[in-house]
């Protein structure tokens, strides 16, 4: 199994993702600089990591979404490859048009970093299948702009089509309908604000992030 982690200027969780994937699923991981115009061959997963790409200037993720490598990420996603965007990566996916909605400033205008409890709303995705009967998870958030927003029509659509995957039990940032993570209509692109890469080992307080990574490769 093989994954690529995209590295943007300002990424700070790229190596966290590499270690989490290697230890959780035993997959090989290649780091791909954002200026590359091609992706490695034989990939099973692409990860857009957390951090502060381009210093979060303009809008979080807006500049990273224009990086050369994103054209290839979009092509890969359109072909059905699994793509995960974590925190800033979620913002990039929305800015690139791969996921609906946008991430706004947190409701109380403060940076939030803490473990959060999540409801696993859809356990039938390729990112959650290995959770089995488990319906709750714990992961860590670390964001200042993790407030998921979409208009009511979009919210009703993604709810009705099973695209909401994770929901906060105690919403830390004001996200609409407590949404913490969503997939695209095809089910192969996941964006979530909580960090599975910070929650893959008992020493980190939770191993639930490891289950997410294992799910991806089990479905590959």
N, C-alpha and C. Protein backbone atom coordinates (compact mmCIF):
# COMPACT_ATOMS: atom_id res chain seq x y z
N UNK A 1 0.84 -1.18 0.00
CA UNK A 1 0.00 0.00 0.00
C UNK A 1 0.88 1.25 0.00
N UNK A 2 0.39 2.30 -0.63
CA UNK A 2 1.22 3.48 -0.80
C UNK A 2 0.37 4.75 -0.71
N UNK A 3 0.91 5.74 -0.03
CA UNK A 3 0.23 7.03 0.13
C UNK A 3 1.18 8.16 -0.23
N UNK A 4 0.60 9.29 -0.58
CA UNK A 4 1.37 10.51 -0.81
C UNK A 4 0.84 11.58 0.14
N UNK A 5 1.75 12.29 0.78
CA UNK A 5 1.38 13.43 1.62
C UNK A 5 1.87 14.68 0.90
N UNK A 6 0.95 15.57 0.58
CA UNK A 6 1.30 16.81 -0.12
C UNK A 6 1.82 17.82 0.89
N UNK A 7 2.95 18.46 0.56
CA UNK A 7 3.58 19.43 1.47
C UNK A 7 3.50 20.82 0.84
N UNK A 8 2.81 21.72 1.53
CA UNK A 8 2.72 23.12 1.10
C UNK A 8 3.63 23.98 1.97
N UNK A 9 4.02 25.15 1.51
CA UNK A 9 4.74 26.08 2.40
C UNK A 9 3.85 26.41 3.59
N UNK A 10 4.31 26.10 4.78
CA UNK A 10 3.51 26.34 5.98
C UNK A 10 2.84 25.10 6.54
N UNK A 11 2.89 23.97 5.81
CA UNK A 11 2.38 22.72 6.38
C UNK A 11 3.18 22.40 7.65
N UNK A 12 2.49 21.96 8.69
CA UNK A 12 3.24 21.56 9.89
C UNK A 12 2.80 20.21 10.45
N UNK A 13 1.91 19.53 9.71
CA UNK A 13 1.49 18.21 10.16
C UNK A 13 1.79 17.15 9.09
N UNK A 14 2.62 17.51 8.12
CA UNK A 14 2.93 16.58 7.05
C UNK A 14 3.66 15.34 7.58
N UNK A 15 4.64 15.56 8.45
CA UNK A 15 5.38 14.42 9.00
C UNK A 15 4.55 13.64 10.00
N UNK A 16 3.67 14.33 10.70
CA UNK A 16 2.73 13.64 11.58
C UNK A 16 1.90 12.65 10.78
N UNK A 17 1.42 13.09 9.62
CA UNK A 17 0.62 12.22 8.77
C UNK A 17 1.43 11.03 8.28
N UNK A 18 2.66 11.28 7.88
CA UNK A 18 3.53 10.20 7.41
C UNK A 18 3.71 9.13 8.48
N UNK A 19 4.05 9.56 9.69
CA UNK A 19 4.25 8.61 10.78
C UNK A 19 2.95 7.88 11.12
N UNK A 20 1.84 8.62 11.15
CA UNK A 20 0.55 8.01 11.50
C UNK A 20 0.16 6.94 10.49
N UNK A 21 0.34 7.22 9.21
CA UNK A 21 -0.03 6.25 8.18
C UNK A 21 0.89 5.02 8.24
N UNK A 22 2.18 5.26 8.40
CA UNK A 22 3.12 4.14 8.47
C UNK A 22 2.83 3.24 9.65
N UNK A 23 2.59 3.84 10.80
CA UNK A 23 2.39 3.04 12.01
C UNK A 23 0.98 2.44 12.09
N UNK A 24 0.01 3.12 11.51
CA UNK A 24 -1.37 2.64 11.58
C UNK A 24 -1.65 1.54 10.57
N UNK A 25 -1.11 1.71 9.35
CA UNK A 25 -1.49 0.82 8.27
C UNK A 25 -0.31 0.12 7.60
N UNK A 26 0.91 0.46 8.01
CA UNK A 26 2.08 -0.17 7.42
C UNK A 26 2.31 0.19 5.97
N UNK A 27 1.73 1.29 5.52
CA UNK A 27 1.87 1.70 4.12
C UNK A 27 3.13 2.51 3.91
N UNK A 28 3.63 2.52 2.68
CA UNK A 28 4.74 3.39 2.31
C UNK A 28 4.19 4.79 2.03
N UNK A 29 4.96 5.79 2.43
CA UNK A 29 4.51 7.18 2.27
C UNK A 29 5.57 7.99 1.55
N UNK A 30 5.15 8.70 0.52
CA UNK A 30 6.04 9.64 -0.17
C UNK A 30 5.57 11.06 0.09
N UNK A 31 6.54 11.95 0.39
CA UNK A 31 6.24 13.35 0.58
C UNK A 31 6.33 14.05 -0.78
N UNK A 32 5.32 14.81 -1.12
CA UNK A 32 5.25 15.44 -2.45
C UNK A 32 5.16 16.95 -2.28
N UNK A 33 6.15 17.66 -2.78
CA UNK A 33 6.19 19.12 -2.70
C UNK A 33 5.10 19.72 -3.59
N UNK A 34 4.53 20.80 -3.15
CA UNK A 34 3.35 21.37 -3.82
C UNK A 34 3.62 21.83 -5.25
N UNK A 35 4.87 22.06 -5.61
CA UNK A 35 5.18 22.53 -6.96
C UNK A 35 5.34 21.39 -7.97
N UNK A 36 5.26 20.16 -7.50
CA UNK A 36 5.35 19.02 -8.42
C UNK A 36 4.15 19.03 -9.38
N UNK A 37 4.37 18.55 -10.58
CA UNK A 37 3.31 18.49 -11.57
C UNK A 37 2.88 17.07 -11.88
N UNK A 38 3.37 16.13 -11.10
CA UNK A 38 2.97 14.73 -11.25
C UNK A 38 2.98 14.08 -9.87
N UNK A 39 2.12 13.09 -9.70
CA UNK A 39 2.06 12.33 -8.46
C UNK A 39 2.79 11.00 -8.63
N UNK A 40 3.26 10.41 -7.54
CA UNK A 40 3.89 9.09 -7.63
C UNK A 40 2.92 8.06 -8.21
N UNK A 41 3.46 7.02 -8.78
CA UNK A 41 2.63 5.95 -9.34
C UNK A 41 2.08 5.06 -8.24
N UNK A 42 1.02 4.36 -8.57
CA UNK A 42 0.47 3.28 -7.73
C UNK A 42 0.05 3.76 -6.35
N UNK A 43 -0.56 4.91 -6.28
CA UNK A 43 -1.03 5.42 -4.99
C UNK A 43 -2.38 4.82 -4.61
N UNK A 44 -2.58 4.65 -3.31
CA UNK A 44 -3.88 4.25 -2.78
C UNK A 44 -4.55 5.39 -2.01
N UNK A 45 -3.75 6.40 -1.64
CA UNK A 45 -4.28 7.48 -0.82
C UNK A 45 -3.43 8.74 -1.01
N UNK A 46 -4.11 9.88 -1.07
CA UNK A 46 -3.46 11.19 -1.05
C UNK A 46 -3.93 11.93 0.19
N UNK A 47 -3.00 12.51 0.93
CA UNK A 47 -3.35 13.26 2.14
C UNK A 47 -2.91 14.71 2.00
N UNK A 48 -3.82 15.62 2.26
CA UNK A 48 -3.50 17.04 2.39
C UNK A 48 -3.46 17.32 3.89
N UNK A 49 -2.29 17.63 4.44
CA UNK A 49 -2.14 17.70 5.90
C UNK A 49 -2.57 19.04 6.49
N UNK A 50 -2.57 19.08 7.81
CA UNK A 50 -2.86 20.31 8.51
C UNK A 50 -1.67 21.25 8.53
N UNK A 51 -1.92 22.44 9.00
CA UNK A 51 -0.87 23.45 9.08
C UNK A 51 -1.43 24.81 8.71
N UNK A 52 -0.58 25.64 8.18
CA UNK A 52 -0.96 27.01 7.85
C UNK A 52 -0.39 27.35 6.48
N UNK A 53 -0.87 26.65 5.45
CA UNK A 53 -0.32 26.83 4.12
C UNK A 53 -0.36 28.31 3.72
N UNK A 54 0.80 28.78 3.26
CA UNK A 54 0.96 30.19 2.87
C UNK A 54 0.58 31.13 4.01
N UNK A 55 0.79 30.68 5.25
CA UNK A 55 0.53 31.53 6.40
C UNK A 55 -0.94 31.86 6.61
N UNK A 56 -1.84 31.12 5.96
CA UNK A 56 -3.28 31.40 6.02
C UNK A 56 -3.63 32.79 5.49
N UNK A 57 -2.77 33.34 4.64
CA UNK A 57 -3.09 34.63 4.03
C UNK A 57 -4.21 34.46 3.00
N UNK A 58 -4.87 35.56 2.70
CA UNK A 58 -6.02 35.62 1.79
C UNK A 58 -7.20 34.91 2.44
N UNK A 59 -7.29 33.60 2.27
CA UNK A 59 -8.22 32.74 3.00
C UNK A 59 -7.49 31.43 3.24
N UNK A 60 -7.80 30.78 4.33
CA UNK A 60 -7.13 29.51 4.63
C UNK A 60 -7.33 28.53 3.47
N UNK A 61 -6.24 28.07 2.91
CA UNK A 61 -6.30 27.07 1.85
C UNK A 61 -6.47 27.63 0.45
N UNK A 62 -6.79 28.92 0.33
CA UNK A 62 -7.07 29.48 -1.00
C UNK A 62 -5.85 29.48 -1.90
N UNK A 63 -4.70 29.84 -1.35
CA UNK A 63 -3.49 29.87 -2.17
C UNK A 63 -2.99 28.46 -2.44
N UNK A 64 -3.05 27.59 -1.44
CA UNK A 64 -2.60 26.21 -1.64
C UNK A 64 -3.43 25.52 -2.71
N UNK A 65 -4.71 25.87 -2.81
CA UNK A 65 -5.58 25.24 -3.80
C UNK A 65 -5.14 25.54 -5.22
N UNK A 66 -4.31 26.59 -5.39
CA UNK A 66 -3.81 26.96 -6.72
C UNK A 66 -2.43 26.37 -7.01
N UNK A 67 -1.87 25.61 -6.09
CA UNK A 67 -0.55 25.01 -6.31
C UNK A 67 -0.59 24.04 -7.48
N UNK A 68 0.51 23.92 -8.23
CA UNK A 68 0.54 23.04 -9.41
C UNK A 68 0.07 21.62 -9.12
N UNK A 69 0.48 21.05 -7.98
CA UNK A 69 0.15 19.65 -7.71
C UNK A 69 -1.35 19.44 -7.55
N UNK A 70 -2.10 20.49 -7.21
CA UNK A 70 -3.53 20.32 -6.98
C UNK A 70 -4.28 19.92 -8.25
N UNK A 71 -3.75 20.27 -9.43
CA UNK A 71 -4.39 19.81 -10.66
C UNK A 71 -4.37 18.29 -10.73
N UNK A 72 -3.26 17.71 -10.28
CA UNK A 72 -3.14 16.25 -10.28
C UNK A 72 -3.98 15.63 -9.18
N UNK A 73 -4.08 16.31 -8.05
CA UNK A 73 -4.93 15.81 -6.96
C UNK A 73 -6.38 15.78 -7.41
N UNK A 74 -6.81 16.83 -8.09
CA UNK A 74 -8.19 16.88 -8.60
C UNK A 74 -8.42 15.75 -9.60
N UNK A 75 -7.47 15.53 -10.51
CA UNK A 75 -7.60 14.44 -11.48
C UNK A 75 -7.71 13.09 -10.77
N UNK A 76 -6.85 12.90 -9.77
CA UNK A 76 -6.87 11.63 -9.03
C UNK A 76 -8.20 11.45 -8.31
N UNK A 77 -8.70 12.51 -7.69
CA UNK A 77 -9.98 12.44 -7.00
C UNK A 77 -11.11 12.13 -7.98
N UNK A 78 -11.07 12.78 -9.15
CA UNK A 78 -12.10 12.53 -10.15
C UNK A 78 -12.08 11.10 -10.66
N UNK A 79 -10.89 10.47 -10.60
CA UNK A 79 -10.77 9.09 -11.05
C UNK A 79 -11.17 8.08 -9.98
N UNK A 80 -11.45 8.58 -8.76
CA UNK A 80 -11.91 7.70 -7.69
C UNK A 80 -10.90 7.39 -6.60
N UNK A 81 -9.69 7.97 -6.69
CA UNK A 81 -8.70 7.71 -5.66
C UNK A 81 -9.13 8.32 -4.32
N UNK A 82 -8.76 7.67 -3.23
CA UNK A 82 -9.06 8.18 -1.90
C UNK A 82 -8.20 9.41 -1.60
N UNK A 83 -8.84 10.48 -1.16
CA UNK A 83 -8.16 11.71 -0.78
C UNK A 83 -8.68 12.14 0.58
N UNK A 84 -7.77 12.46 1.48
CA UNK A 84 -8.14 12.96 2.81
C UNK A 84 -7.51 14.32 3.03
N UNK A 85 -8.31 15.29 3.42
CA UNK A 85 -7.82 16.60 3.80
C UNK A 85 -8.09 16.83 5.27
N UNK A 86 -7.02 17.06 6.03
CA UNK A 86 -7.12 17.19 7.48
C UNK A 86 -6.88 18.64 7.88
N UNK A 87 -7.82 19.23 8.58
CA UNK A 87 -7.71 20.60 9.09
C UNK A 87 -7.45 21.57 7.92
N UNK A 88 -6.24 22.11 7.79
CA UNK A 88 -5.95 22.97 6.65
C UNK A 88 -6.20 22.24 5.34
N UNK A 89 -5.97 20.94 5.32
CA UNK A 89 -6.25 20.15 4.12
C UNK A 89 -7.73 20.15 3.76
N UNK A 90 -8.61 20.16 4.76
CA UNK A 90 -10.04 20.28 4.55
C UNK A 90 -10.35 21.63 3.90
N UNK A 91 -9.71 22.67 4.41
CA UNK A 91 -9.90 24.00 3.83
C UNK A 91 -9.46 24.02 2.37
N UNK A 92 -8.33 23.38 2.08
CA UNK A 92 -7.83 23.33 0.70
C UNK A 92 -8.82 22.60 -0.20
N UNK A 93 -9.37 21.49 0.27
CA UNK A 93 -10.33 20.73 -0.53
C UNK A 93 -11.56 21.55 -0.87
N UNK A 94 -12.02 22.35 0.10
CA UNK A 94 -13.18 23.21 -0.17
C UNK A 94 -12.82 24.30 -1.16
N UNK A 95 -11.64 24.90 -0.99
CA UNK A 95 -11.21 25.96 -1.91
C UNK A 95 -10.99 25.43 -3.32
N UNK A 96 -10.61 24.16 -3.43
CA UNK A 96 -10.36 23.55 -4.74
C UNK A 96 -11.63 23.02 -5.39
N UNK A 97 -12.75 23.12 -4.69
CA UNK A 97 -14.01 22.66 -5.23
C UNK A 97 -14.24 21.17 -5.14
N UNK A 98 -13.40 20.47 -4.40
CA UNK A 98 -13.58 19.03 -4.24
C UNK A 98 -14.59 18.68 -3.17
N UNK A 99 -14.87 19.62 -2.29
CA UNK A 99 -15.90 19.44 -1.26
C UNK A 99 -16.74 20.71 -1.19
N UNK A 100 -18.01 20.59 -0.82
CA UNK A 100 -18.86 21.77 -0.69
C UNK A 100 -18.59 22.51 0.61
N UNK A 101 -19.06 23.75 0.67
CA UNK A 101 -18.96 24.52 1.89
C UNK A 101 -17.66 25.27 2.03
N UNK A 102 -17.47 25.86 3.21
CA UNK A 102 -16.27 26.64 3.50
C UNK A 102 -16.00 26.57 5.00
N UNK A 103 -14.77 26.87 5.39
CA UNK A 103 -14.39 26.91 6.80
C UNK A 103 -14.15 28.36 7.20
N UNK A 104 -14.93 28.85 8.16
CA UNK A 104 -14.87 30.23 8.61
C UNK A 104 -14.13 30.32 9.94
N UNK A 105 -13.91 31.56 10.40
CA UNK A 105 -13.33 31.77 11.72
C UNK A 105 -14.18 31.08 12.77
N UNK A 106 -13.55 30.55 13.80
CA UNK A 106 -14.28 29.93 14.88
C UNK A 106 -15.26 30.92 15.50
N UNK A 107 -16.36 30.40 15.95
CA UNK A 107 -17.47 31.23 16.44
C UNK A 107 -17.02 32.25 17.49
N UNK A 108 -16.13 31.82 18.39
CA UNK A 108 -15.67 32.73 19.45
C UNK A 108 -14.34 33.40 19.11
N UNK A 109 -13.94 33.27 17.84
CA UNK A 109 -12.75 33.95 17.32
C UNK A 109 -11.47 33.59 18.07
N UNK A 110 -11.40 32.36 18.57
CA UNK A 110 -10.22 31.90 19.29
C UNK A 110 -9.71 30.61 18.67
N UNK A 111 -8.39 30.45 18.72
CA UNK A 111 -7.77 29.19 18.31
C UNK A 111 -8.12 28.13 19.35
N UNK A 112 -8.50 26.95 18.88
CA UNK A 112 -8.91 25.87 19.78
C UNK A 112 -8.03 24.66 19.54
N UNK A 113 -7.45 24.12 20.60
CA UNK A 113 -6.63 22.91 20.50
C UNK A 113 -6.95 22.02 21.68
N UNK A 114 -7.66 20.93 21.41
CA UNK A 114 -8.05 20.01 22.48
C UNK A 114 -8.64 18.74 21.88
N UNK A 115 -8.70 17.66 22.66
CA UNK A 115 -9.39 16.46 22.19
C UNK A 115 -10.89 16.74 22.10
N UNK A 116 -11.54 16.14 21.10
CA UNK A 116 -12.99 16.29 20.96
C UNK A 116 -13.61 14.92 20.72
N UNK A 117 -14.82 14.77 21.24
CA UNK A 117 -15.59 13.54 21.02
C UNK A 117 -16.43 13.72 19.76
N UNK A 118 -16.47 12.67 18.96
CA UNK A 118 -17.18 12.71 17.68
C UNK A 118 -18.20 11.58 17.59
N UNK A 119 -19.32 11.86 16.96
CA UNK A 119 -20.23 10.81 16.54
C UNK A 119 -19.84 10.38 15.14
N UNK A 120 -19.75 9.07 14.91
CA UNK A 120 -19.51 8.55 13.57
C UNK A 120 -20.88 8.43 12.91
N UNK A 121 -21.20 9.41 12.09
CA UNK A 121 -22.54 9.51 11.51
C UNK A 121 -22.74 8.49 10.40
N UNK A 122 -21.72 8.30 9.59
CA UNK A 122 -21.80 7.35 8.48
C UNK A 122 -20.63 6.38 8.60
N UNK A 123 -20.93 5.17 9.00
CA UNK A 123 -19.88 4.16 9.18
C UNK A 123 -19.71 3.28 7.94
N UNK A 124 -20.37 3.66 6.85
CA UNK A 124 -20.32 2.84 5.63
C UNK A 124 -19.42 3.43 4.57
N UNK A 125 -18.60 4.43 4.91
CA UNK A 125 -17.70 5.01 3.93
C UNK A 125 -16.38 4.23 3.92
N UNK A 126 -15.57 4.47 2.90
CA UNK A 126 -14.28 3.79 2.83
C UNK A 126 -13.31 4.31 3.89
N UNK A 127 -13.68 5.40 4.57
CA UNK A 127 -12.84 5.97 5.61
C UNK A 127 -13.27 5.55 7.02
N UNK A 128 -14.44 4.92 7.12
CA UNK A 128 -14.97 4.59 8.45
C UNK A 128 -15.38 3.13 8.60
N UNK A 129 -15.27 2.34 7.55
CA UNK A 129 -15.79 0.97 7.59
C UNK A 129 -15.16 0.13 8.69
N UNK A 130 -13.87 0.38 8.97
CA UNK A 130 -13.18 -0.44 9.97
C UNK A 130 -13.57 -0.09 11.41
N UNK A 131 -14.36 0.97 11.60
CA UNK A 131 -14.86 1.27 12.94
C UNK A 131 -15.90 0.24 13.38
N UNK A 132 -16.47 -0.49 12.43
CA UNK A 132 -17.42 -1.55 12.75
C UNK A 132 -18.62 -1.01 13.52
N UNK A 133 -18.87 -1.59 14.70
CA UNK A 133 -20.01 -1.17 15.52
C UNK A 133 -19.70 0.07 16.36
N UNK A 134 -18.45 0.51 16.34
CA UNK A 134 -18.08 1.70 17.11
C UNK A 134 -18.75 2.94 16.51
N UNK A 135 -19.44 3.68 17.35
CA UNK A 135 -20.20 4.83 16.86
C UNK A 135 -19.67 6.16 17.40
N UNK A 136 -18.61 6.11 18.20
CA UNK A 136 -18.01 7.33 18.71
C UNK A 136 -16.50 7.25 18.53
N UNK A 137 -15.86 8.40 18.39
CA UNK A 137 -14.41 8.46 18.25
C UNK A 137 -13.91 9.71 18.96
N UNK A 138 -12.63 9.68 19.31
CA UNK A 138 -11.99 10.85 19.92
C UNK A 138 -10.78 11.21 19.06
N UNK A 139 -10.73 12.46 18.65
CA UNK A 139 -9.57 12.99 17.93
C UNK A 139 -9.29 14.39 18.44
N UNK A 140 -8.19 14.98 18.01
CA UNK A 140 -7.78 16.29 18.48
C UNK A 140 -8.00 17.36 17.42
N UNK A 141 -8.59 18.48 17.82
CA UNK A 141 -8.69 19.62 16.91
C UNK A 141 -7.60 20.63 17.25
N UNK A 142 -7.19 21.40 16.24
CA UNK A 142 -6.23 22.48 16.44
C UNK A 142 -6.43 23.48 15.32
N UNK A 143 -7.37 24.41 15.51
CA UNK A 143 -7.69 25.33 14.42
C UNK A 143 -8.23 26.65 14.94
N UNK A 144 -8.10 27.66 14.11
CA UNK A 144 -8.72 28.95 14.37
C UNK A 144 -9.84 29.23 13.40
N UNK A 145 -9.88 28.44 12.31
CA UNK A 145 -10.90 28.62 11.28
C UNK A 145 -11.45 27.26 10.89
N UNK A 146 -12.14 26.66 11.84
CA UNK A 146 -12.71 25.33 11.63
C UNK A 146 -14.22 25.31 11.66
N UNK A 147 -14.81 26.47 11.47
CA UNK A 147 -16.26 26.65 11.56
C UNK A 147 -16.88 26.33 10.20
N UNK A 148 -17.35 25.09 10.03
CA UNK A 148 -17.89 24.67 8.73
C UNK A 148 -19.19 25.40 8.43
N UNK A 149 -19.26 25.95 7.21
CA UNK A 149 -20.44 26.70 6.79
C UNK A 149 -20.86 26.26 5.39
N UNK A 150 -22.17 26.16 5.21
CA UNK A 150 -22.76 25.97 3.88
C UNK A 150 -24.19 26.48 3.97
N UNK A 151 -24.76 26.82 2.83
CA UNK A 151 -26.15 27.29 2.85
C UNK A 151 -27.09 26.13 3.17
N UNK A 152 -28.32 26.45 3.51
CA UNK A 152 -29.27 25.43 3.96
C UNK A 152 -29.52 24.37 2.89
N UNK A 153 -29.60 24.79 1.66
CA UNK A 153 -29.83 23.82 0.59
C UNK A 153 -28.69 22.81 0.52
N UNK A 154 -27.46 23.30 0.61
CA UNK A 154 -26.31 22.40 0.58
C UNK A 154 -26.28 21.49 1.80
N UNK A 155 -26.55 22.07 2.97
CA UNK A 155 -26.57 21.27 4.20
C UNK A 155 -27.62 20.17 4.12
N UNK A 156 -28.81 20.51 3.63
CA UNK A 156 -29.86 19.50 3.51
C UNK A 156 -29.46 18.41 2.53
N UNK A 157 -28.78 18.81 1.46
CA UNK A 157 -28.36 17.82 0.46
C UNK A 157 -27.31 16.87 1.00
N UNK A 158 -26.27 17.41 1.64
CA UNK A 158 -25.22 16.52 2.12
C UNK A 158 -25.71 15.65 3.28
N UNK A 159 -26.64 16.18 4.07
CA UNK A 159 -27.23 15.36 5.13
C UNK A 159 -28.05 14.22 4.50
N UNK A 160 -28.87 14.58 3.52
CA UNK A 160 -29.76 13.60 2.90
C UNK A 160 -29.02 12.53 2.12
N UNK A 161 -27.84 12.88 1.58
CA UNK A 161 -27.09 11.93 0.77
C UNK A 161 -26.01 11.20 1.57
N UNK A 162 -26.03 11.35 2.88
CA UNK A 162 -25.09 10.61 3.72
C UNK A 162 -23.66 11.09 3.64
N UNK A 163 -23.47 12.36 3.27
CA UNK A 163 -22.10 12.87 3.13
C UNK A 163 -21.51 13.38 4.43
N UNK A 164 -22.32 13.55 5.45
CA UNK A 164 -21.78 13.92 6.77
C UNK A 164 -21.24 12.65 7.42
N UNK A 165 -19.97 12.66 7.75
CA UNK A 165 -19.31 11.46 8.27
C UNK A 165 -19.07 11.57 9.77
N UNK A 166 -18.58 12.72 10.21
CA UNK A 166 -18.32 12.95 11.63
C UNK A 166 -19.07 14.19 12.11
N UNK A 167 -19.58 14.11 13.34
CA UNK A 167 -20.27 15.24 13.93
C UNK A 167 -19.75 15.45 15.35
N UNK A 168 -19.51 16.70 15.73
CA UNK A 168 -19.06 16.99 17.09
C UNK A 168 -20.15 16.67 18.10
N UNK A 169 -19.78 16.05 19.20
CA UNK A 169 -20.71 15.86 20.30
C UNK A 169 -20.86 17.16 21.09
N UNK A 170 -19.78 17.93 21.17
CA UNK A 170 -19.80 19.23 21.83
C UNK A 170 -19.06 20.19 20.91
N UNK A 171 -19.80 20.85 20.06
CA UNK A 171 -19.25 21.67 18.96
C UNK A 171 -18.30 22.75 19.49
N UNK A 172 -17.00 22.68 19.15
CA UNK A 172 -16.05 23.65 19.70
C UNK A 172 -15.92 24.94 18.91
N UNK A 173 -16.42 24.96 17.67
CA UNK A 173 -16.13 26.11 16.82
C UNK A 173 -17.33 26.72 16.10
N UNK A 174 -18.52 26.21 16.37
CA UNK A 174 -19.72 26.78 15.76
C UNK A 174 -20.11 26.20 14.43
N UNK A 175 -19.51 25.09 14.03
CA UNK A 175 -19.80 24.49 12.73
C UNK A 175 -21.29 24.21 12.55
N UNK A 176 -21.80 24.49 11.36
CA UNK A 176 -23.20 24.24 11.06
C UNK A 176 -23.55 22.78 11.32
N UNK A 177 -24.63 22.59 12.06
CA UNK A 177 -25.15 21.26 12.37
C UNK A 177 -24.10 20.36 13.01
N UNK A 178 -23.14 20.96 13.69
CA UNK A 178 -22.10 20.23 14.43
C UNK A 178 -21.22 19.38 13.51
N UNK A 179 -21.13 19.75 12.24
CA UNK A 179 -20.40 18.94 11.27
C UNK A 179 -18.89 19.06 11.48
N UNK A 180 -18.24 17.90 11.59
CA UNK A 180 -16.79 17.85 11.78
C UNK A 180 -16.07 17.27 10.57
N UNK A 181 -16.79 16.51 9.73
CA UNK A 181 -16.16 15.90 8.57
C UNK A 181 -17.19 15.46 7.56
N UNK A 182 -16.88 15.63 6.28
CA UNK A 182 -17.80 15.27 5.20
C UNK A 182 -17.04 14.57 4.07
N UNK A 183 -17.79 13.83 3.26
CA UNK A 183 -17.24 13.25 2.03
C UNK A 183 -17.94 13.87 0.83
N UNK A 184 -17.32 13.73 -0.33
CA UNK A 184 -17.95 14.18 -1.56
C UNK A 184 -19.04 13.20 -1.96
N UNK A 185 -19.78 13.53 -3.02
CA UNK A 185 -20.90 12.70 -3.44
C UNK A 185 -20.46 11.30 -3.84
N UNK A 186 -19.24 11.15 -4.40
CA UNK A 186 -18.73 9.84 -4.81
C UNK A 186 -18.19 9.04 -3.63
N UNK A 187 -17.94 9.70 -2.52
CA UNK A 187 -17.49 9.01 -1.31
C UNK A 187 -16.01 8.73 -1.23
N UNK A 188 -15.21 9.31 -2.14
CA UNK A 188 -13.77 9.02 -2.12
C UNK A 188 -12.92 10.18 -1.62
N UNK A 189 -13.53 11.32 -1.31
CA UNK A 189 -12.80 12.49 -0.79
C UNK A 189 -13.38 12.85 0.56
N UNK A 190 -12.53 12.83 1.58
CA UNK A 190 -12.95 13.15 2.94
C UNK A 190 -12.22 14.40 3.43
N UNK A 191 -12.97 15.32 4.01
CA UNK A 191 -12.38 16.45 4.70
C UNK A 191 -12.85 16.45 6.14
N UNK A 192 -11.94 16.63 7.07
CA UNK A 192 -12.31 16.69 8.48
C UNK A 192 -11.38 17.65 9.21
N UNK A 193 -11.94 18.35 10.18
CA UNK A 193 -11.12 19.27 10.97
C UNK A 193 -10.35 18.54 12.07
N UNK A 194 -10.92 17.57 12.78
CA UNK A 194 -10.13 16.84 13.78
C UNK A 194 -8.98 16.07 13.13
N UNK A 195 -7.92 15.88 13.89
CA UNK A 195 -6.69 15.28 13.37
C UNK A 195 -6.58 13.78 13.70
N UNK A 196 -6.79 12.90 12.73
CA UNK A 196 -6.49 11.48 12.98
C UNK A 196 -4.99 11.26 13.17
N UNK A 197 -4.17 12.15 12.58
CA UNK A 197 -2.72 12.02 12.70
C UNK A 197 -2.21 12.39 14.09
N UNK A 198 -3.04 12.97 14.92
CA UNK A 198 -2.68 13.26 16.31
C UNK A 198 -3.39 12.33 17.27
N UNK A 199 -4.03 11.31 16.72
CA UNK A 199 -4.89 10.45 17.53
C UNK A 199 -4.80 9.00 17.07
N UNK A 200 -3.57 8.53 16.82
CA UNK A 200 -3.42 7.19 16.26
C UNK A 200 -2.72 6.23 17.21
N UNK A 201 -2.44 6.66 18.43
CA UNK A 201 -1.71 5.83 19.39
C UNK A 201 -2.22 6.14 20.80
N UNK A 202 -2.28 5.11 21.64
CA UNK A 202 -2.79 5.29 23.00
C UNK A 202 -1.99 6.35 23.76
N UNK A 203 -0.70 6.47 23.47
CA UNK A 203 0.12 7.48 24.14
C UNK A 203 -0.31 8.90 23.79
N UNK A 204 -1.05 9.05 22.70
CA UNK A 204 -1.55 10.36 22.29
C UNK A 204 -2.95 10.63 22.84
N UNK A 205 -3.50 9.65 23.54
CA UNK A 205 -4.82 9.81 24.14
C UNK A 205 -5.93 9.11 23.40
N UNK A 206 -5.70 8.69 22.18
CA UNK A 206 -6.71 7.99 21.40
C UNK A 206 -6.04 7.25 20.24
N UNK A 207 -6.60 6.10 19.90
CA UNK A 207 -6.12 5.33 18.75
C UNK A 207 -7.12 5.37 17.59
N UNK A 208 -8.14 6.20 17.71
CA UNK A 208 -9.22 6.19 16.72
C UNK A 208 -8.77 6.67 15.34
N UNK A 209 -7.78 7.56 15.30
CA UNK A 209 -7.27 8.01 14.02
C UNK A 209 -6.66 6.88 13.22
N UNK A 210 -6.06 5.93 13.91
CA UNK A 210 -5.46 4.78 13.23
C UNK A 210 -6.51 3.96 12.50
N UNK A 211 -7.71 3.88 13.08
CA UNK A 211 -8.79 3.12 12.45
C UNK A 211 -9.18 3.77 11.13
N UNK A 212 -9.19 5.10 11.10
CA UNK A 212 -9.52 5.80 9.85
C UNK A 212 -8.52 5.45 8.76
N UNK A 213 -7.24 5.50 9.09
CA UNK A 213 -6.23 5.19 8.06
C UNK A 213 -6.31 3.73 7.63
N UNK A 214 -6.53 2.84 8.58
CA UNK A 214 -6.65 1.43 8.21
C UNK A 214 -7.86 1.18 7.31
N UNK A 215 -8.92 1.93 7.56
CA UNK A 215 -10.13 1.79 6.73
C UNK A 215 -9.84 2.09 5.28
N UNK A 216 -9.08 3.15 5.04
CA UNK A 216 -8.77 3.55 3.66
C UNK A 216 -8.06 2.43 2.92
N UNK A 217 -7.05 1.86 3.54
CA UNK A 217 -6.25 0.85 2.86
C UNK A 217 -6.98 -0.48 2.78
N UNK A 218 -7.88 -0.75 3.71
CA UNK A 218 -8.66 -1.98 3.65
C UNK A 218 -9.60 -1.96 2.46
N UNK A 219 -10.00 -0.75 2.04
CA UNK A 219 -10.93 -0.63 0.92
C UNK A 219 -10.23 -0.42 -0.42
N UNK A 220 -8.89 -0.31 -0.38
CA UNK A 220 -8.14 -0.02 -1.62
C UNK A 220 -8.15 -1.20 -2.58
